[in-house]
N, C-alpha and C. Protein backbone atom coordinates (compact mmCIF):
# COMPACT_ATOMS: atom_id res chain seq x y z
N MET A 1 20.07 -7.31 14.95
CA MET A 1 19.33 -6.32 15.72
C MET A 1 18.64 -5.33 14.78
N THR A 2 17.39 -5.04 15.07
CA THR A 2 16.63 -4.10 14.27
C THR A 2 17.00 -2.68 14.65
N MET A 3 17.20 -1.84 13.66
CA MET A 3 17.59 -0.47 13.93
C MET A 3 16.39 0.45 13.76
N LEU A 4 16.13 1.26 14.78
CA LEU A 4 15.12 2.30 14.72
C LEU A 4 15.65 3.48 15.49
N SER A 5 15.71 4.62 14.83
CA SER A 5 16.05 5.84 15.55
C SER A 5 14.85 6.76 15.49
N LEU A 6 14.67 7.49 16.58
CA LEU A 6 13.53 8.39 16.72
C LEU A 6 14.03 9.78 17.06
N THR A 7 13.35 10.76 16.54
CA THR A 7 13.59 12.15 16.92
C THR A 7 12.25 12.73 17.32
N THR A 8 12.19 13.36 18.47
CA THR A 8 10.95 13.98 18.94
C THR A 8 11.14 15.49 18.93
N THR A 9 10.22 16.18 18.25
CA THR A 9 10.29 17.63 18.12
C THR A 9 8.94 18.23 18.49
N ASP A 10 8.95 19.16 19.44
CA ASP A 10 7.72 19.85 19.82
C ASP A 10 7.49 21.05 18.92
N HIS A 11 6.30 21.11 18.34
CA HIS A 11 5.83 22.25 17.56
C HIS A 11 4.65 22.84 18.33
N PRO A 12 4.27 24.07 18.05
CA PRO A 12 3.12 24.64 18.78
C PRO A 12 1.86 23.79 18.68
N ALA A 13 1.59 23.22 17.52
CA ALA A 13 0.34 22.47 17.32
C ALA A 13 0.43 21.01 17.72
N ALA A 14 1.62 20.43 17.72
CA ALA A 14 1.75 18.99 17.98
C ALA A 14 3.21 18.63 18.22
N THR A 15 3.41 17.44 18.74
CA THR A 15 4.74 16.86 18.86
C THR A 15 4.93 15.88 17.71
N VAL A 16 6.04 16.01 17.01
CA VAL A 16 6.33 15.13 15.88
C VAL A 16 7.38 14.10 16.32
N ILE A 17 7.05 12.84 16.11
CA ILE A 17 7.98 11.74 16.35
C ILE A 17 8.41 11.23 14.98
N THR A 18 9.65 11.50 14.62
CA THR A 18 10.17 11.14 13.31
C THR A 18 10.87 9.79 13.40
N LEU A 19 10.48 8.87 12.54
CA LEU A 19 11.02 7.52 12.54
C LEU A 19 12.04 7.34 11.43
N ASP A 20 13.09 6.57 11.73
CA ASP A 20 14.07 6.20 10.72
C ASP A 20 14.50 4.77 11.01
N GLY A 21 14.15 3.86 10.12
CA GLY A 21 14.51 2.46 10.31
C GLY A 21 13.31 1.55 10.24
N GLU A 22 13.26 0.58 11.16
CA GLU A 22 12.22 -0.45 11.13
C GLU A 22 11.54 -0.57 12.48
N ILE A 23 10.22 -0.81 12.46
CA ILE A 23 9.48 -1.10 13.69
C ILE A 23 9.03 -2.54 13.63
N ASP A 24 9.52 -3.32 14.59
CA ASP A 24 9.10 -4.72 14.71
C ASP A 24 9.13 -5.09 16.18
N ALA A 25 9.07 -6.38 16.47
CA ALA A 25 9.02 -6.84 17.86
C ALA A 25 10.23 -6.37 18.66
N LEU A 26 11.36 -6.18 18.01
CA LEU A 26 12.56 -5.77 18.73
C LEU A 26 12.65 -4.27 18.97
N SER A 27 11.95 -3.48 18.17
CA SER A 27 12.11 -2.03 18.27
C SER A 27 10.84 -1.27 18.65
N ALA A 28 9.71 -1.95 18.70
CA ALA A 28 8.43 -1.26 18.96
C ALA A 28 8.41 -0.57 20.32
N ASP A 29 9.09 -1.14 21.31
CA ASP A 29 9.10 -0.51 22.63
C ASP A 29 9.74 0.87 22.60
N HIS A 30 10.67 1.07 21.71
CA HIS A 30 11.33 2.38 21.56
C HIS A 30 10.30 3.44 21.15
N LEU A 31 9.42 3.09 20.21
CA LEU A 31 8.36 4.00 19.80
C LEU A 31 7.35 4.19 20.93
N ARG A 32 6.98 3.11 21.60
CA ARG A 32 6.04 3.21 22.71
C ARG A 32 6.56 4.16 23.78
N GLN A 33 7.84 4.08 24.10
CA GLN A 33 8.43 4.96 25.10
C GLN A 33 8.38 6.42 24.65
N ALA A 34 8.63 6.67 23.37
CA ALA A 34 8.57 8.05 22.87
C ALA A 34 7.15 8.61 22.98
N ILE A 35 6.16 7.79 22.66
CA ILE A 35 4.76 8.21 22.79
C ILE A 35 4.43 8.47 24.25
N ASP A 36 4.80 7.53 25.13
CA ASP A 36 4.54 7.67 26.56
C ASP A 36 5.18 8.94 27.12
N GLN A 37 6.41 9.21 26.74
CA GLN A 37 7.11 10.39 27.24
C GLN A 37 6.45 11.68 26.78
N ALA A 38 6.02 11.73 25.54
CA ALA A 38 5.34 12.92 25.04
C ALA A 38 4.03 13.14 25.80
N LEU A 39 3.26 12.09 25.99
CA LEU A 39 1.99 12.21 26.72
C LEU A 39 2.23 12.61 28.17
N ALA A 40 3.27 12.08 28.78
CA ALA A 40 3.59 12.43 30.17
C ALA A 40 3.95 13.91 30.31
N ARG A 41 4.44 14.51 29.25
CA ARG A 41 4.77 15.94 29.26
C ARG A 41 3.57 16.80 28.89
N GLY A 42 2.40 16.17 28.73
CA GLY A 42 1.20 16.91 28.39
C GLY A 42 1.04 17.19 26.91
N ARG A 43 1.86 16.56 26.09
CA ARG A 43 1.79 16.73 24.64
C ARG A 43 0.85 15.66 24.09
N THR A 44 -0.43 15.99 23.94
CA THR A 44 -1.45 15.00 23.58
C THR A 44 -1.74 14.95 22.09
N ARG A 45 -1.21 15.88 21.33
CA ARG A 45 -1.37 15.86 19.87
C ARG A 45 -0.05 15.40 19.26
N LEU A 46 -0.10 14.22 18.66
CA LEU A 46 1.11 13.58 18.17
C LEU A 46 1.02 13.31 16.68
N VAL A 47 2.12 13.55 15.99
CA VAL A 47 2.25 13.17 14.58
C VAL A 47 3.45 12.24 14.48
N VAL A 48 3.22 11.06 13.95
CA VAL A 48 4.32 10.13 13.69
C VAL A 48 4.68 10.28 12.21
N ASP A 49 5.90 10.76 11.98
CA ASP A 49 6.40 10.97 10.62
C ASP A 49 7.12 9.70 10.17
N ALA A 50 6.51 8.98 9.25
CA ALA A 50 7.02 7.69 8.81
C ALA A 50 7.82 7.76 7.51
N ALA A 51 8.27 8.93 7.12
CA ALA A 51 9.00 9.07 5.85
C ALA A 51 10.23 8.17 5.81
N GLY A 52 10.91 8.01 6.93
CA GLY A 52 12.12 7.20 6.97
C GLY A 52 11.90 5.77 7.41
N LEU A 53 10.64 5.36 7.50
CA LEU A 53 10.32 4.01 7.95
C LEU A 53 10.46 3.02 6.79
N GLY A 54 11.31 2.02 6.97
CA GLY A 54 11.51 1.04 5.92
C GLY A 54 10.67 -0.21 6.08
N PHE A 55 10.22 -0.49 7.31
CA PHE A 55 9.45 -1.71 7.58
C PHE A 55 8.62 -1.52 8.83
N CYS A 56 7.44 -2.11 8.85
CA CYS A 56 6.58 -2.10 10.03
C CYS A 56 5.81 -3.42 10.05
N ASP A 57 5.88 -4.14 11.18
CA ASP A 57 5.12 -5.37 11.29
C ASP A 57 3.93 -5.18 12.23
N SER A 58 3.27 -6.27 12.58
CA SER A 58 2.07 -6.18 13.41
C SER A 58 2.35 -5.59 14.78
N ARG A 59 3.53 -5.82 15.32
CA ARG A 59 3.88 -5.24 16.63
C ARG A 59 3.99 -3.73 16.52
N GLY A 60 4.54 -3.24 15.44
CA GLY A 60 4.60 -1.80 15.22
C GLY A 60 3.22 -1.20 15.07
N LEU A 61 2.35 -1.89 14.33
CA LEU A 61 0.98 -1.42 14.16
C LEU A 61 0.26 -1.41 15.50
N HIS A 62 0.45 -2.44 16.31
CA HIS A 62 -0.16 -2.50 17.63
C HIS A 62 0.31 -1.31 18.48
N THR A 63 1.57 -0.96 18.39
CA THR A 63 2.11 0.17 19.15
C THR A 63 1.45 1.48 18.72
N LEU A 64 1.24 1.65 17.43
CA LEU A 64 0.55 2.85 16.94
C LEU A 64 -0.90 2.89 17.40
N ILE A 65 -1.58 1.74 17.37
CA ILE A 65 -2.97 1.68 17.84
C ILE A 65 -3.05 2.05 19.31
N ALA A 66 -2.16 1.47 20.12
CA ALA A 66 -2.15 1.78 21.56
C ALA A 66 -1.85 3.25 21.78
N GLY A 67 -0.91 3.81 21.01
CA GLY A 67 -0.58 5.23 21.14
C GLY A 67 -1.76 6.11 20.77
N GLN A 68 -2.49 5.74 19.73
CA GLN A 68 -3.68 6.49 19.32
C GLN A 68 -4.71 6.48 20.45
N ARG A 69 -4.94 5.32 21.03
CA ARG A 69 -5.91 5.20 22.13
C ARG A 69 -5.49 6.03 23.33
N GLN A 70 -4.21 5.99 23.67
CA GLN A 70 -3.71 6.78 24.79
C GLN A 70 -3.89 8.27 24.52
N ALA A 71 -3.54 8.70 23.33
CA ALA A 71 -3.65 10.12 22.99
C ALA A 71 -5.11 10.58 23.04
N VAL A 72 -6.01 9.79 22.50
CA VAL A 72 -7.44 10.13 22.52
C VAL A 72 -7.95 10.17 23.95
N SER A 73 -7.54 9.22 24.77
CA SER A 73 -7.95 9.20 26.18
C SER A 73 -7.48 10.44 26.92
N ALA A 74 -6.36 11.00 26.48
CA ALA A 74 -5.81 12.20 27.10
C ALA A 74 -6.37 13.48 26.47
N GLY A 75 -7.32 13.33 25.54
CA GLY A 75 -7.93 14.49 24.91
C GLY A 75 -7.25 14.95 23.64
N GLY A 76 -6.38 14.13 23.09
CA GLY A 76 -5.64 14.51 21.88
C GLY A 76 -5.85 13.54 20.74
N TRP A 77 -4.82 13.34 19.94
CA TRP A 77 -4.87 12.46 18.78
C TRP A 77 -3.46 12.06 18.36
N LEU A 78 -3.41 11.04 17.51
CA LEU A 78 -2.17 10.61 16.87
C LEU A 78 -2.45 10.52 15.38
N ARG A 79 -1.66 11.20 14.60
CA ARG A 79 -1.80 11.21 13.14
C ARG A 79 -0.51 10.72 12.50
N LEU A 80 -0.61 10.32 11.25
CA LEU A 80 0.55 9.82 10.52
C LEU A 80 0.90 10.73 9.36
N ALA A 81 2.17 10.99 9.20
CA ALA A 81 2.67 11.70 8.02
C ALA A 81 3.52 10.71 7.23
N HIS A 82 3.40 10.78 5.93
CA HIS A 82 4.22 9.96 5.03
C HIS A 82 4.05 8.46 5.25
N ALA A 83 2.84 8.00 5.53
CA ALA A 83 2.60 6.56 5.66
C ALA A 83 2.73 5.93 4.28
N HIS A 84 3.69 5.05 4.12
CA HIS A 84 3.95 4.43 2.82
C HIS A 84 4.44 3.00 3.03
N GLY A 85 4.66 2.29 1.98
CA GLY A 85 5.26 0.97 2.04
C GLY A 85 4.53 0.00 2.95
N TYR A 86 5.30 -0.67 3.81
CA TYR A 86 4.73 -1.68 4.70
C TYR A 86 3.66 -1.11 5.61
N LEU A 87 3.90 0.06 6.16
CA LEU A 87 2.92 0.65 7.08
C LEU A 87 1.61 0.93 6.36
N ARG A 88 1.69 1.53 5.21
CA ARG A 88 0.47 1.82 4.44
C ARG A 88 -0.28 0.54 4.10
N ARG A 89 0.45 -0.47 3.69
CA ARG A 89 -0.17 -1.75 3.34
C ARG A 89 -0.83 -2.38 4.57
N LEU A 90 -0.17 -2.34 5.72
CA LEU A 90 -0.77 -2.87 6.94
C LEU A 90 -2.06 -2.14 7.29
N LEU A 91 -2.06 -0.83 7.18
CA LEU A 91 -3.26 -0.05 7.48
C LEU A 91 -4.40 -0.42 6.53
N GLU A 92 -4.08 -0.63 5.27
CA GLU A 92 -5.10 -1.01 4.30
C GLU A 92 -5.62 -2.42 4.55
N LEU A 93 -4.72 -3.38 4.79
CA LEU A 93 -5.13 -4.76 5.01
C LEU A 93 -5.99 -4.92 6.26
N THR A 94 -5.68 -4.15 7.29
CA THR A 94 -6.42 -4.24 8.55
C THR A 94 -7.58 -3.26 8.62
N GLN A 95 -7.80 -2.53 7.54
CA GLN A 95 -8.88 -1.54 7.45
C GLN A 95 -8.80 -0.50 8.57
N LEU A 96 -7.59 -0.04 8.86
CA LEU A 96 -7.37 0.95 9.91
C LEU A 96 -7.00 2.32 9.37
N THR A 97 -7.12 2.52 8.07
CA THR A 97 -6.74 3.83 7.51
C THR A 97 -7.57 4.95 8.11
N ALA A 98 -8.84 4.70 8.42
CA ALA A 98 -9.70 5.75 9.00
C ALA A 98 -9.31 6.07 10.43
N MET A 99 -8.68 5.13 11.13
CA MET A 99 -8.28 5.36 12.52
C MET A 99 -7.14 6.36 12.62
N PHE A 100 -6.33 6.43 11.58
CA PHE A 100 -5.14 7.28 11.60
C PHE A 100 -5.22 8.32 10.50
N PRO A 101 -5.71 9.51 10.80
CA PRO A 101 -5.64 10.57 9.78
C PRO A 101 -4.19 10.71 9.32
N HIS A 102 -3.99 10.72 8.03
CA HIS A 102 -2.62 10.81 7.52
C HIS A 102 -2.57 11.73 6.31
N ASP A 103 -1.38 12.20 6.07
CA ASP A 103 -1.17 13.13 4.98
C ASP A 103 0.29 13.01 4.56
N PRO A 104 0.57 13.08 3.27
CA PRO A 104 1.97 13.05 2.85
C PRO A 104 2.71 14.34 3.19
N GLN A 105 1.98 15.38 3.55
CA GLN A 105 2.59 16.67 3.89
C GLN A 105 2.53 16.88 5.40
N LEU A 106 3.64 16.77 6.06
CA LEU A 106 3.71 16.97 7.50
C LEU A 106 3.16 18.33 7.90
N GLU A 107 3.48 19.34 7.13
CA GLU A 107 3.07 20.70 7.46
C GLU A 107 1.55 20.84 7.53
N ARG A 108 0.84 20.14 6.67
CA ARG A 108 -0.63 20.20 6.71
C ARG A 108 -1.18 19.58 7.98
N LEU A 109 -0.57 18.51 8.45
CA LEU A 109 -1.02 17.88 9.69
C LEU A 109 -0.80 18.81 10.88
N LEU A 110 0.25 19.58 10.83
CA LEU A 110 0.54 20.50 11.94
C LEU A 110 -0.39 21.70 11.96
N ARG A 111 -1.07 21.96 10.86
CA ARG A 111 -2.00 23.10 10.81
C ARG A 111 -3.41 22.71 11.20
N ARG A 112 -3.71 21.44 11.27
CA ARG A 112 -5.09 20.99 11.54
C ARG A 112 -5.42 21.09 13.00
């Protein structure tokens, strides 16, 4: 079983979804639910903090793309903090780095 734990924290500027573990076909729905719940509460500015992410496959990337589209449709955005490793490589290979504004400093994303 793939392990993914999420923590959702509301800040004045955005909601931060902190990931710890792996996002793949078995765990991507957990992230999708966290995004859906934040948007349902009217939190349309989302930051996914990937500092603790050890692995991300195409299903995880698809979940992030869908979340970005949902957030934009609701008048907000989805940004990435600490995109590294597998996630960073996937974004580069699929030429999606421009779709996800990202920064290694979470605090800077919360000020934008």
